[in-house]
Amino acid sequence: MTGGQLAPLSNNEEVTLRRVAYGQSDIAHLRADDLKRLRALKLIDGSPRVPSLTPAGKQRFDTLAKPVAIATFNAENELMGMLGQLMARRPER
C-alpha cells in the first residue's frame, strides 16, 4: 500500500474524494484544502478544473464506507401502520 492509501483522511477529505469519484467535481463546490492534500497524497490528479482519481485514489475510495441502501418508502403503508398503533392505544369509552 502506498502512503496515500494509509494516510488518515478527515471527514471533509473523504467527502471530497467521494465527490471526485462520483464525478461531482465542479471545482467551485470542492474544498481547495482537501484537493491540495488529496493531490499531495497522489489520490487525485487531472486538470486543476476537473480532478479525477488516480489508481491509488480508486483503491482508497473502494475502502471508504458506503451509504446504506435506502429502503423503498411507501407513505400509505407507513400512515396506515401509524394509525393502527394510535388506534390500539386509544382507551375504550
PDB file of N, CA and C in Angstrom:
ATOM      1  N   MET A   1       0.839  -1.177   0.000  1.00  0.00           N
ATOM      2  CA  MET A   1       0.000   0.000   0.000  1.00  0.00           C
ATOM      3  C   MET A   1       0.882   1.238   0.000  1.00  0.00           C
ATOM      4  N   THR A   2       0.439   2.237  -0.686  1.00  0.00           N
ATOM      5  CA  THR A   2       1.190   3.487  -0.746  1.00  0.00           C
ATOM      6  C   THR A   2       0.784   4.382   0.413  1.00  0.00           C
ATOM      7  N   GLY A   3       1.532   5.474   0.600  1.00  0.00           N
ATOM      8  CA  GLY A   3       1.221   6.414   1.671  1.00  0.00           C
ATOM      9  C   GLY A   3      -0.172   6.975   1.579  1.00  0.00           C
ATOM     10  N   GLY A   4      -0.642   7.240   0.356  1.00  0.00           N
ATOM     11  CA  GLY A   4      -1.986   7.783   0.181  1.00  0.00           C
ATOM     12  C   GLY A   4      -3.076   6.821   0.600  1.00  0.00           C
ATOM     13  N   GLN A   5      -2.776   5.535   0.540  1.00  0.00           N
ATOM     14  CA  GLN A   5      -3.778   4.551   0.935  1.00  0.00           C
ATOM     15  C   GLN A   5      -3.778   4.336   2.441  1.00  0.00           C
ATOM     16  N   LEU A   6      -2.686   4.716   3.101  1.00  0.00           N
ATOM     17  CA  LEU A   6      -2.590   4.525   4.542  1.00  0.00           C
ATOM     18  C   LEU A   6      -2.846   5.795   5.336  1.00  0.00           C
ATOM     19  N   ALA A   7      -2.619   6.940   4.721  1.00  0.00           N
ATOM     20  CA  ALA A   7      -2.758   8.220   5.432  1.00  0.00           C
ATOM     21  C   ALA A   7      -4.195   8.428   5.874  1.00  0.00           C
ATOM     22  N   PRO A   8      -4.390   8.842   7.117  1.00  0.00           N
ATOM     23  CA  PRO A   8      -5.763   9.120   7.560  1.00  0.00           C
ATOM     24  C   PRO A   8      -6.315  10.337   6.832  1.00  0.00           C
ATOM     25  N   LEU A   9      -7.591  10.275   6.509  1.00  0.00           N
ATOM     26  CA  LEU A   9      -8.277  11.382   5.863  1.00  0.00           C
ATOM     27  C   LEU A   9      -9.307  11.955   6.823  1.00  0.00           C
ATOM     28  N   SER A  10      -9.464  13.259   6.787  1.00  0.00           N
ATOM     29  CA  SER A  10     -10.526  13.883   7.577  1.00  0.00           C
ATOM     30  C   SER A  10     -11.867  13.553   6.932  1.00  0.00           C
ATOM     31  N   ASN A  11     -12.930  13.800   7.660  1.00  0.00           N
ATOM     32  CA  ASN A  11     -14.270  13.571   7.095  1.00  0.00           C
ATOM     33  C   ASN A  11     -14.467  14.414   5.839  1.00  0.00           C
ATOM     34  N   ASN A  12     -13.999  15.669   5.880  1.00  0.00           N
ATOM     35  CA  ASN A  12     -14.151  16.540   4.716  1.00  0.00           C
ATOM     36  C   ASN A  12     -13.356  16.015   3.526  1.00  0.00           C
ATOM     37  N   GLU A  13     -12.162  15.495   3.771  1.00  0.00           N
ATOM     38  CA  GLU A  13     -11.355  14.944   2.684  1.00  0.00           C
ATOM     39  C   GLU A  13     -12.015  13.713   2.081  1.00  0.00           C
ATOM     40  N   GLU A  14     -12.633  12.895   2.924  1.00  0.00           N
ATOM     41  CA  GLU A  14     -13.359  11.724   2.414  1.00  0.00           C
ATOM     42  C   GLU A  14     -14.524  12.161   1.533  1.00  0.00           C
ATOM     43  N   VAL A  15     -15.244  13.196   1.961  1.00  0.00           N
ATOM     44  CA  VAL A  15     -16.362  13.709   1.163  1.00  0.00           C
ATOM     45  C   VAL A  15     -15.844  14.197  -0.183  1.00  0.00           C
ATOM     46  N   THR A  16     -14.746  14.934  -0.173  1.00  0.00           N
ATOM     47  CA  THR A  16     -14.177  15.449  -1.424  1.00  0.00           C
ATOM     48  C   THR A  16     -13.733  14.302  -2.314  1.00  0.00           C
ATOM     49  N   LEU A  17     -13.109  13.276  -1.739  1.00  0.00           N
ATOM     50  CA  LEU A  17     -12.683  12.118  -2.532  1.00  0.00           C
ATOM     51  C   LEU A  17     -13.899  11.440  -3.165  1.00  0.00           C
ATOM     52  N   ARG A  18     -14.975  11.298  -2.404  1.00  0.00           N
ATOM     53  CA  ARG A  18     -16.205  10.698  -2.947  1.00  0.00           C
ATOM     54  C   ARG A  18     -16.768  11.540  -4.093  1.00  0.00           C
ATOM     55  N   ARG A  19     -16.785  12.849  -3.911  1.00  0.00           N
ATOM     56  CA  ARG A  19     -17.328  13.723  -4.952  1.00  0.00           C
ATOM     57  C   ARG A  19     -16.516  13.634  -6.231  1.00  0.00           C
ATOM     58  N   VAL A  20     -15.205  13.553  -6.096  1.00  0.00           N
ATOM     59  CA  VAL A  20     -14.362  13.383  -7.286  1.00  0.00           C
ATOM     60  C   VAL A  20     -14.671  12.033  -7.926  1.00  0.00           C
ATOM     61  N   ALA A  21     -14.793  10.982  -7.104  1.00  0.00           N
ATOM     62  CA  ALA A  21     -15.068   9.638  -7.623  1.00  0.00           C
ATOM     63  C   ALA A  21     -16.399   9.579  -8.361  1.00  0.00           C
ATOM     64  N   TYR A  22     -17.404  10.273  -7.838  1.00  0.00           N
ATOM     65  CA  TYR A  22     -18.723  10.243  -8.460  1.00  0.00           C
ATOM     66  C   TYR A  22     -18.880  11.260  -9.578  1.00  0.00           C
ATOM     67  N   GLY A  23     -17.802  11.991  -9.867  1.00  0.00           N
ATOM     68  CA  GLY A  23     -17.859  12.959 -10.949  1.00  0.00           C
ATOM     69  C   GLY A  23     -18.532  14.266 -10.565  1.00  0.00           C
ATOM     70  N   GLN A  24     -18.720  14.471  -9.282  1.00  0.00           N
ATOM     71  CA  GLN A  24     -19.304  15.724  -8.808  1.00  0.00           C
ATOM     72  C   GLN A  24     -18.156  16.690  -8.551  1.00  0.00           C
ATOM     73  N   SER A  25     -17.370  16.913  -9.578  1.00  0.00           N
ATOM     74  CA  SER A  25     -16.125  17.639  -9.382  1.00  0.00           C
ATOM     75  C   SER A  25     -16.147  19.065  -9.883  1.00  0.00           C
ATOM     76  N   ASP A  26     -17.288  19.721  -9.813  1.00  0.00           N
ATOM     77  CA  ASP A  26     -17.306  21.135 -10.134  1.00  0.00           C
ATOM     78  C   ASP A  26     -16.407  21.826  -9.116  1.00  0.00           C
ATOM     79  N   ILE A  27     -15.315  22.342  -9.587  1.00  0.00           N
ATOM     80  CA  ILE A  27     -14.272  22.871  -8.718  1.00  0.00           C
ATOM     81  C   ILE A  27     -14.796  23.909  -7.739  1.00  0.00           C
ATOM     82  N   ALA A  28     -15.839  24.620  -8.101  1.00  0.00           N
ATOM     83  CA  ALA A  28     -16.401  25.644  -7.219  1.00  0.00           C
ATOM     84  C   ALA A  28     -17.034  25.046  -5.970  1.00  0.00           C
ATOM     85  N   HIS A  29     -17.391  23.762  -6.016  1.00  0.00           N
ATOM     86  CA  HIS A  29     -18.058  23.121  -4.885  1.00  0.00           C
ATOM     87  C   HIS A  29     -17.154  22.181  -4.110  1.00  0.00           C
ATOM     88  N   LEU A  30     -15.880  22.158  -4.433  1.00  0.00           N
ATOM     89  CA  LEU A  30     -14.935  21.291  -3.723  1.00  0.00           C
ATOM     90  C   LEU A  30     -13.994  22.147  -2.890  1.00  0.00           C
ATOM     91  N   ARG A  31     -13.645  21.656  -1.723  1.00  0.00           N
ATOM     92  CA  ARG A  31     -12.767  22.395  -0.818  1.00  0.00           C
ATOM     93  C   ARG A  31     -11.332  22.395  -1.340  1.00  0.00           C
ATOM     94  N   ALA A  32     -10.779  23.574  -1.503  1.00  0.00           N
ATOM     95  CA  ALA A  32      -9.434  23.713  -2.066  1.00  0.00           C
ATOM     96  C   ALA A  32      -8.378  23.020  -1.202  1.00  0.00           C
ATOM     97  N   ASP A  33      -8.492  23.137   0.125  1.00  0.00           N
ATOM     98  CA  ASP A  33      -7.512  22.486   1.008  1.00  0.00           C
ATOM     99  C   ASP A  33      -7.567  20.969   0.881  1.00  0.00           C
ATOM    100  N   ASP A  34      -8.777  20.431   0.744  1.00  0.00           N
ATOM    101  CA  ASP A  34      -8.930  18.983   0.574  1.00  0.00           C
ATOM    102  C   ASP A  34      -8.297  18.534  -0.732  1.00  0.00           C
ATOM    103  N   LEU A  35      -8.569  19.278  -1.806  1.00  0.00           N
ATOM    104  CA  LEU A  35      -7.992  18.924  -3.112  1.00  0.00           C
ATOM    105  C   LEU A  35      -6.473  18.956  -3.064  1.00  0.00           C
ATOM    106  N   LYS A  36      -5.940  19.959  -2.395  1.00  0.00           N
ATOM    107  CA  LYS A  36      -4.483  20.087  -2.287  1.00  0.00           C
ATOM    108  C   LYS A  36      -3.888  18.876  -1.567  1.00  0.00           C
ATOM    109  N   ARG A  37      -4.503  18.476  -0.467  1.00  0.00           N
ATOM    110  CA  ARG A  37      -3.981  17.322   0.285  1.00  0.00           C
ATOM    111  C   ARG A  37      -4.165  16.023  -0.487  1.00  0.00           C
ATOM    112  N   LEU A  38      -5.301  15.839  -1.126  1.00  0.00           N
ATOM    113  CA  LEU A  38      -5.536  14.621  -1.902  1.00  0.00           C
ATOM    114  C   LEU A  38      -4.554  14.524  -3.071  1.00  0.00           C
ATOM    115  N   ARG A  39      -4.202  15.659  -3.659  1.00  0.00           N
ATOM    116  CA  ARG A  39      -3.176  15.661  -4.719  1.00  0.00           C
ATOM    117  C   ARG A  39      -1.816  15.303  -4.136  1.00  0.00           C
ATOM    118  N   ALA A  40      -1.482  15.852  -2.960  1.00  0.00           N
ATOM    119  CA  ALA A  40      -0.204  15.562  -2.316  1.00  0.00           C
ATOM    120  C   ALA A  40      -0.090  14.075  -1.972  1.00  0.00           C
ATOM    121  N   LEU A  41      -1.215  13.470  -1.607  1.00  0.00           N
ATOM    122  CA  LEU A  41      -1.225  12.033  -1.297  1.00  0.00           C
ATOM    123  C   LEU A  41      -1.304  11.167  -2.551  1.00  0.00           C
ATOM    124  N   LYS A  42      -1.399  11.813  -3.703  1.00  0.00           N
ATOM    125  CA  LYS A  42      -1.492  11.138  -5.001  1.00  0.00           C
ATOM    126  C   LYS A  42      -2.752  10.269  -5.118  1.00  0.00           C
ATOM    127  N   LEU A  43      -3.839  10.779  -4.507  1.00  0.00           N
ATOM    128  CA  LEU A  43      -5.131  10.101  -4.615  1.00  0.00           C
ATOM    129  C   LEU A  43      -5.956  10.673  -5.761  1.00  0.00           C
ATOM    130  N   ILE A  44      -5.667  11.920  -6.143  1.00  0.00           N
ATOM    131  CA  ILE A  44      -6.328  12.524  -7.289  1.00  0.00           C
ATOM    132  C   ILE A  44      -5.287  13.177  -8.188  1.00  0.00           C
ATOM    133  N   ASP A  45      -5.642  13.311  -9.450  1.00  0.00           N
ATOM    134  CA  ASP A  45      -4.831  14.052 -10.409  1.00  0.00           C
ATOM    135  C   ASP A  45      -5.780  14.680 -11.409  1.00  0.00           C
ATOM    136  N   GLY A  46      -5.354  14.868 -12.604  1.00  0.00           N
ATOM    137  CA  GLY A  46      -6.201  15.508 -13.600  1.00  0.00           C
ATOM    138  C   GLY A  46      -5.959  16.997 -13.603  1.00  0.00           C
ATOM    139  N   SER A  47      -6.723  17.685 -14.411  1.00  0.00           N
ATOM    140  CA  SER A  47      -6.542  19.128 -14.525  1.00  0.00           C
ATOM    141  C   SER A  47      -7.027  19.809 -13.242  1.00  0.00           C
ATOM    142  N   PRO A  48      -6.532  21.021 -12.996  1.00  0.00           N
ATOM    143  CA  PRO A  48      -7.000  21.744 -11.806  1.00  0.00           C
ATOM    144  C   PRO A  48      -8.508  21.985 -11.811  1.00  0.00           C
ATOM    145  N   ARG A  49      -9.124  22.075 -12.983  1.00  0.00           N
ATOM    146  CA  ARG A  49     -10.570  22.326 -13.058  1.00  0.00           C
ATOM    147  C   ARG A  49     -11.399  21.045 -13.010  1.00  0.00           C
ATOM    148  N   VAL A  50     -10.805  19.918 -13.398  1.00  0.00           N
ATOM    149  CA  VAL A  50     -11.548  18.656 -13.417  1.00  0.00           C
ATOM    150  C   VAL A  50     -10.671  17.552 -12.818  1.00  0.00           C
ATOM    151  N   PRO A  51     -10.679  17.429 -11.488  1.00  0.00           N
ATOM    152  CA  PRO A  51      -9.875  16.390 -10.862  1.00  0.00           C
ATOM    153  C   PRO A  51     -10.452  14.999 -11.125  1.00  0.00           C
ATOM    154  N   SER A  52      -9.590  14.000 -11.063  1.00  0.00           N
ATOM    155  CA  SER A  52     -10.028  12.609 -11.226  1.00  0.00           C
ATOM    156  C   SER A  52      -9.198  11.734 -10.287  1.00  0.00           C
ATOM    157  N   LEU A  53      -9.701  10.540 -10.029  1.00  0.00           N
ATOM    158  CA  LEU A  53      -8.997   9.624  -9.141  1.00  0.00           C
ATOM    159  C   LEU A  53      -7.802   9.001  -9.844  1.00  0.00           C
ATOM    160  N   THR A  54      -6.743   8.816  -9.089  1.00  0.00           N
ATOM    161  CA  THR A  54      -5.615   8.025  -9.561  1.00  0.00           C
ATOM    162  C   THR A  54      -5.949   6.568  -9.246  1.00  0.00           C
ATOM    163  N   PRO A  55      -5.166   5.600  -9.736  1.00  0.00           N
ATOM    164  CA  PRO A  55      -5.413   4.210  -9.330  1.00  0.00           C
ATOM    165  C   PRO A  55      -5.381   4.039  -7.801  1.00  0.00           C
ATOM    166  N   ALA A  56      -4.447   4.724  -7.138  1.00  0.00           N
ATOM    167  CA  ALA A  56      -4.397   4.658  -5.668  1.00  0.00           C
ATOM    168  C   ALA A  56      -5.641   5.295  -5.059  1.00  0.00           C
ATOM    169  N   GLY A  57      -6.119   6.384  -5.670  1.00  0.00           N
ATOM    170  CA  GLY A  57      -7.336   7.034  -5.199  1.00  0.00           C
ATOM    171  C   GLY A  57      -8.552   6.136  -5.353  1.00  0.00           C
ATOM    172  N   LYS A  58      -8.606   5.392  -6.444  1.00  0.00           N
ATOM    173  CA  LYS A  58      -9.710   4.443  -6.663  1.00  0.00           C
ATOM    174  C   LYS A  58      -9.689   3.354  -5.601  1.00  0.00           C
ATOM    175  N   GLN A  59      -8.485   2.853  -5.298  1.00  0.00           N
ATOM    176  CA  GLN A  59      -8.386   1.830  -4.254  1.00  0.00           C
ATOM    177  C   GLN A  59      -8.810   2.390  -2.902  1.00  0.00           C
ATOM    178  N   ARG A  60      -8.392   3.619  -2.616  1.00  0.00           N
ATOM    179  CA  ARG A  60      -8.755   4.241  -1.341  1.00  0.00           C
ATOM    180  C   ARG A  60     -10.258   4.487  -1.288  1.00  0.00           C
ATOM    181  N   PHE A  61     -10.842   4.955  -2.386  1.00  0.00           N
ATOM    182  CA  PHE A  61     -12.283   5.172  -2.451  1.00  0.00           C
ATOM    183  C   PHE A  61     -13.037   3.867  -2.180  1.00  0.00           C
ATOM    184  N   ASP A  62     -12.544   2.772  -2.736  1.00  0.00           N
ATOM    185  CA  ASP A  62     -13.205   1.478  -2.550  1.00  0.00           C
ATOM    186  C   ASP A  62     -13.211   1.031  -1.093  1.00  0.00           C
ATOM    187  N   THR A  63     -12.292   1.557  -0.266  1.00  0.00           N
ATOM    188  CA  THR A  63     -12.241   1.170   1.146  1.00  0.00           C
ATOM    189  C   THR A  63     -13.132   2.039   2.031  1.00  0.00           C
ATOM    190  N   LEU A  64     -13.610   3.169   1.497  1.00  0.00           N
ATOM    191  CA  LEU A  64     -14.453   4.069   2.292  1.00  0.00           C
ATOM    192  C   LEU A  64     -15.817   3.435   2.543  1.00  0.00           C
ATOM    193  N   ALA A  65     -16.399   3.786   3.667  1.00  0.00           N
ATOM    194  CA  ALA A  65     -17.742   3.302   3.988  1.00  0.00           C
ATOM    195  C   ALA A  65     -18.721   3.812   2.940  1.00  0.00           C
ATOM    196  N   LYS A  66     -19.609   2.948   2.528  1.00  0.00           N
ATOM    197  CA  LYS A  66     -20.624   3.302   1.536  1.00  0.00           C
ATOM    198  C   LYS A  66     -21.941   3.558   2.248  1.00  0.00           C
ATOM    199  N   PRO A  67     -22.780   4.434   1.692  1.00  0.00           N
ATOM    200  CA  PRO A  67     -24.074   4.691   2.334  1.00  0.00           C
ATOM    201  C   PRO A  67     -24.948   3.440   2.315  1.00  0.00           C
ATOM    202  N   VAL A  68     -25.728   3.305   3.356  1.00  0.00           N
ATOM    203  CA  VAL A  68     -26.657   2.183   3.452  1.00  0.00           C
ATOM    204  C   VAL A  68     -27.753   2.397   2.413  1.00  0.00           C
ATOM    205  N   ALA A  69     -28.126   1.335   1.751  1.00  0.00           N
ATOM    206  CA  ALA A  69     -29.192   1.438   0.753  1.00  0.00           C
ATOM    207  C   ALA A  69     -30.480   1.883   1.436  1.00  0.00           C
ATOM    208  N   ILE A  70     -31.139   2.805   0.827  1.00  0.00           N
ATOM    209  CA  ILE A  70     -32.397   3.299   1.376  1.00  0.00           C
ATOM    210  C   ILE A  70     -33.521   2.393   0.899  1.00  0.00           C
ATOM    211  N   ALA A  71     -34.249   1.870   1.855  1.00  0.00           N
ATOM    212  CA  ALA A  71     -35.379   1.008   1.512  1.00  0.00           C
ATOM    213  C   ALA A  71     -36.472   1.864   0.872  1.00  0.00           C
ATOM    214  N   THR A  72     -37.272   1.227   0.057  1.00  0.00           N
ATOM    215  CA  THR A  72     -38.362   1.972  -0.565  1.00  0.00           C
ATOM    216  C   THR A  72     -39.334   2.406   0.532  1.00  0.00           C
ATOM    217  N   PHE A  73     -39.815   3.593   0.423  1.00  0.00           N
ATOM    218  CA  PHE A  73     -40.713   4.173   1.410  1.00  0.00           C
ATOM    219  C   PHE A  73     -42.098   4.239   0.808  1.00  0.00           C
ATOM    220  N   ASN A  74     -43.030   3.583   1.440  1.00  0.00           N
ATOM    221  CA  ASN A  74     -44.410   3.598   0.987  1.00  0.00           C
ATOM    222  C   ASN A  74     -45.204   4.412   1.999  1.00  0.00           C
ATOM    223  N   ALA A  75     -45.526   5.638   1.641  1.00  0.00           N
ATOM    224  CA  ALA A  75     -46.194   6.556   2.559  1.00  0.00           C
ATOM    225  C   ALA A  75     -47.532   6.006   3.044  1.00  0.00           C
ATOM    226  N   GLU A  76     -48.283   5.381   2.150  1.00  0.00           N
ATOM    227  CA  GLU A  76     -49.596   4.851   2.533  1.00  0.00           C
ATOM    228  C   GLU A  76     -49.452   3.757   3.599  1.00  0.00           C
ATOM    229  N   ASN A  77     -48.515   2.846   3.411  1.00  0.00           N
ATOM    230  CA  ASN A  77     -48.309   1.787   4.406  1.00  0.00           C
ATOM    231  C   ASN A  77     -47.825   2.358   5.735  1.00  0.00           C
ATOM    232  N   GLU A  78     -46.944   3.340   5.685  1.00  0.00           N
ATOM    233  CA  GLU A  78     -46.446   3.961   6.908  1.00  0.00           C
ATOM    234  C   GLU A  78     -47.575   4.662   7.659  1.00  0.00           C
ATOM    235  N   LEU A  79     -48.410   5.379   6.932  1.00  0.00           N
ATOM    236  CA  LEU A  79     -49.525   6.088   7.544  1.00  0.00           C
ATOM    237  C   LEU A  79     -50.524   5.107   8.166  1.00  0.00           C
ATOM    238  N   MET A  80     -50.837   4.055   7.445  1.00  0.00           N
ATOM    239  CA  MET A  80     -51.787   3.066   7.969  1.00  0.00           C
ATOM    240  C   MET A  80     -51.222   2.375   9.212  1.00  0.00           C
ATOM    241  N   GLY A  81     -49.915   2.090   9.194  1.00  0.00           N
ATOM    242  CA  GLY A  81     -49.291   1.468  10.357  1.00  0.00           C
ATOM    243  C   GLY A  81     -49.344   2.381  11.571  1.00  0.00           C
ATOM    244  N   MET A  82     -49.087   3.664  11.352  1.00  0.00           N
ATOM    245  CA  MET A  82     -49.130   4.618  12.452  1.00  0.00           C
ATOM    246  C   MET A  82     -50.549   4.776  12.980  1.00  0.00           C
ATOM    247  N   LEU A  83     -51.550   4.832  12.075  1.00  0.00           N
ATOM    248  CA  LEU A  83     -52.946   4.918  12.514  1.00  0.00           C
ATOM    249  C   LEU A  83     -53.332   3.694  13.343  1.00  0.00           C
ATOM    250  N   GLY A  84     -52.872   2.535  12.909  1.00  0.00           N
ATOM    251  CA  GLY A  84     -53.155   1.318  13.658  1.00  0.00           C
ATOM    252  C   GLY A  84     -52.578   1.378  15.060  1.00  0.00           C
ATOM    253  N   GLN A  85     -51.370   1.876  15.192  1.00  0.00           N
ATOM    254  CA  GLN A  85     -50.738   1.999  16.511  1.00  0.00           C
ATOM    255  C   GLN A  85     -51.499   2.995  17.383  1.00  0.00           C
ATOM    256  N   LEU A  86     -51.916   4.112  16.799  1.00  0.00           N
ATOM    257  CA  LEU A  86     -52.659   5.104  17.563  1.00  0.00           C
ATOM    258  C   LEU A  86     -54.012   4.574  18.003  1.00  0.00           C
ATOM    259  N   MET A  87     -54.680   3.852  17.123  1.00  0.00           N
ATOM    260  CA  MET A  87     -55.985   3.291  17.467  1.00  0.00           C
ATOM    261  C   MET A  87     -55.842   2.236  18.555  1.00  0.00           C
ATOM    262  N   ALA A  88     -54.774   1.495  18.563  1.00  0.00           N
ATOM    263  CA  ALA A  88     -54.570   0.463  19.584  1.00  0.00           C
ATOM    264  C   ALA A  88     -54.328   1.103  20.953  1.00  0.00           C
ATOM    265  N   ARG A  89     -53.770   2.289  20.981  1.00  0.00           N
ATOM    266  CA  ARG A  89     -53.514   2.976  22.261  1.00  0.00           C
ATOM    267  C   ARG A  89     -54.721   3.731  22.772  1.00  0.00           C
ATOM    268  N   ARG A  90     -55.708   3.929  21.917  1.00  0.00           N
ATOM    269  CA  ARG A  90     -56.888   4.713  22.290  1.00  0.00           C
ATOM    270  C   ARG A  90     -57.691   3.980  23.352  1.00  0.00           C
ATOM    271  N   PRO A  91     -57.973   4.646  24.459  1.00  0.00           N
ATOM    272  CA  PRO A  91     -58.744   3.961  25.508  1.00  0.00           C
ATOM    273  C   PRO A  91     -60.195   3.747  25.081  1.00  0.00           C
ATOM    274  N   GLU A  92     -60.731   2.646  25.525  1.00  0.00           N
ATOM    275  CA  GLU A  92     -62.128   2.340  25.233  1.00  0.00           C
ATOM    276  C   GLU A  92     -63.017   3.256  26.065  1.00  0.00           C
ATOM    277  N   ARG A  93     -64.155   3.661  25.509  1.00  0.00           N
ATOM    278  CA  ARG A  93     -65.082   4.537  26.237  1.00  0.00           C
ATOM    279  C   ARG A  93     -66.316   3.808  26.618  1.00  0.00           C
TER     280      ARG A  93
END
